[in-house]
Amino acid sequence: MHRSVGEALAVLSRRTDANLAQRVSGEEYEVGLSRRDGSDTTWVYIGAGPREYLELSLESARQLADVLARQLPEEGRSG
């Protein structure tokens, strides 16, 4: 397994439980890349440990970044 040096990212997240109660909290996520030996696929890991994470292919991560860039308000614009 090959892994990049992870980069820490402080985030503010919101969770909604089964009763629709919402909780906002500060967390630290790690963002990094990994690839299994012999594999051609590199994965982007975004997560806060083994119970809470997302792994996307490089292409999917690029698509996500493009969508986020379109959806996020520009600086100085309310959204």
Protein backbone atom coordinates (compact mmCIF):
# COMPACT_ATOMS: atom_id res chain seq x y z
CA MET A 1 0.00 0.00 0.00
CA HIS A 2 1.31 3.42 -0.92
CA ARG A 3 0.03 6.46 0.99
CA SER A 4 0.70 10.16 0.68
CA VAL A 5 1.39 12.30 3.70
CA GLY A 6 -2.07 13.22 4.93
CA GLU A 7 -3.11 16.81 5.32
CA ALA A 8 -5.25 17.87 8.29
CA LEU A 9 -8.33 19.97 7.64
CA ALA A 10 -10.36 21.60 10.43
CA VAL A 11 -14.05 21.57 9.46
CA LEU A 12 -17.41 22.58 10.86
CA SER A 13 -19.90 19.80 10.21
CA ARG A 14 -23.61 19.30 10.70
CA ARG A 15 -25.22 15.93 11.43
CA THR A 16 -28.90 15.05 11.44
CA ASP A 17 -30.01 12.01 13.44
CA ALA A 18 -32.98 9.69 12.85
CA ASN A 19 -35.23 12.08 14.84
CA LEU A 20 -34.13 14.97 12.57
CA ALA A 21 -32.28 16.65 15.44
CA GLN A 22 -29.23 18.48 14.17
CA ARG A 23 -25.82 18.79 15.77
CA VAL A 24 -23.05 21.12 14.62
CA SER A 25 -19.50 20.43 15.72
CA GLY A 26 -15.91 21.18 14.88
CA GLU A 27 -13.87 18.22 13.68
CA GLU A 28 -10.54 17.47 12.09
CA TYR A 29 -10.51 15.51 8.86
CA GLU A 30 -7.54 14.07 7.03
CA VAL A 31 -7.17 14.25 3.26
CA GLY A 32 -4.72 11.94 1.53
CA LEU A 33 -4.07 9.59 -1.37
CA SER A 34 -3.57 5.85 -1.36
CA ARG A 35 -3.01 3.06 -3.86
CA ARG A 36 -2.69 -0.67 -3.28
CA ASP A 37 0.41 -2.41 -4.60
CA GLY A 38 -0.19 -3.58 -8.16
CA SER A 39 -3.28 -1.40 -8.63
CA ASP A 40 -3.67 1.39 -11.19
CA THR A 41 -6.34 3.15 -9.12
CA THR A 42 -5.44 5.96 -6.73
CA TRP A 43 -8.00 6.80 -4.06
CA VAL A 44 -8.60 10.11 -2.33
CA TYR A 45 -9.36 9.59 1.37
CA ILE A 46 -11.36 12.23 3.25
CA GLY A 47 -12.19 11.22 6.77
CA ALA A 48 -12.00 11.31 10.51
CA GLY A 49 -10.94 7.74 11.20
CA PRO A 50 -12.12 4.23 10.36
CA ARG A 51 -15.81 4.84 11.13
CA GLU A 52 -16.29 8.08 9.24
CA TYR A 53 -14.68 8.50 5.85
CA LEU A 54 -15.15 8.74 2.12
CA GLU A 55 -12.82 7.30 -0.52
CA LEU A 56 -13.16 8.54 -4.08
CA SER A 57 -11.28 7.72 -7.27
CA LEU A 58 -9.10 10.58 -8.55
CA GLU A 59 -11.60 11.27 -11.34
CA SER A 60 -14.53 11.36 -8.90
CA ALA A 61 -12.59 13.66 -6.56
CA ARG A 62 -11.87 16.02 -9.47
CA GLN A 63 -15.56 16.02 -10.41
CA LEU A 64 -16.48 16.76 -6.79
CA ALA A 65 -13.98 19.65 -6.71
CA ASP A 66 -15.50 21.07 -9.92
CA VAL A 67 -19.05 20.84 -8.54
CA LEU A 68 -17.98 22.46 -5.26
CA ALA A 69 -16.28 25.28 -7.17
CA ARG A 70 -19.54 25.95 -9.03
CA GLN A 71 -21.78 25.64 -5.96
CA LEU A 72 -19.77 27.69 -3.46
CA PRO A 73 -20.49 31.40 -3.44
CA GLU A 74 -17.71 33.62 -4.64
CA GLU A 75 -15.96 35.80 -2.07
CA GLY A 76 -18.02 38.90 -1.36
CA ARG A 77 -21.25 37.26 -2.60
CA SER A 78 -23.80 35.92 -0.16
CA GLY A 79 -25.01 32.42 -0.84
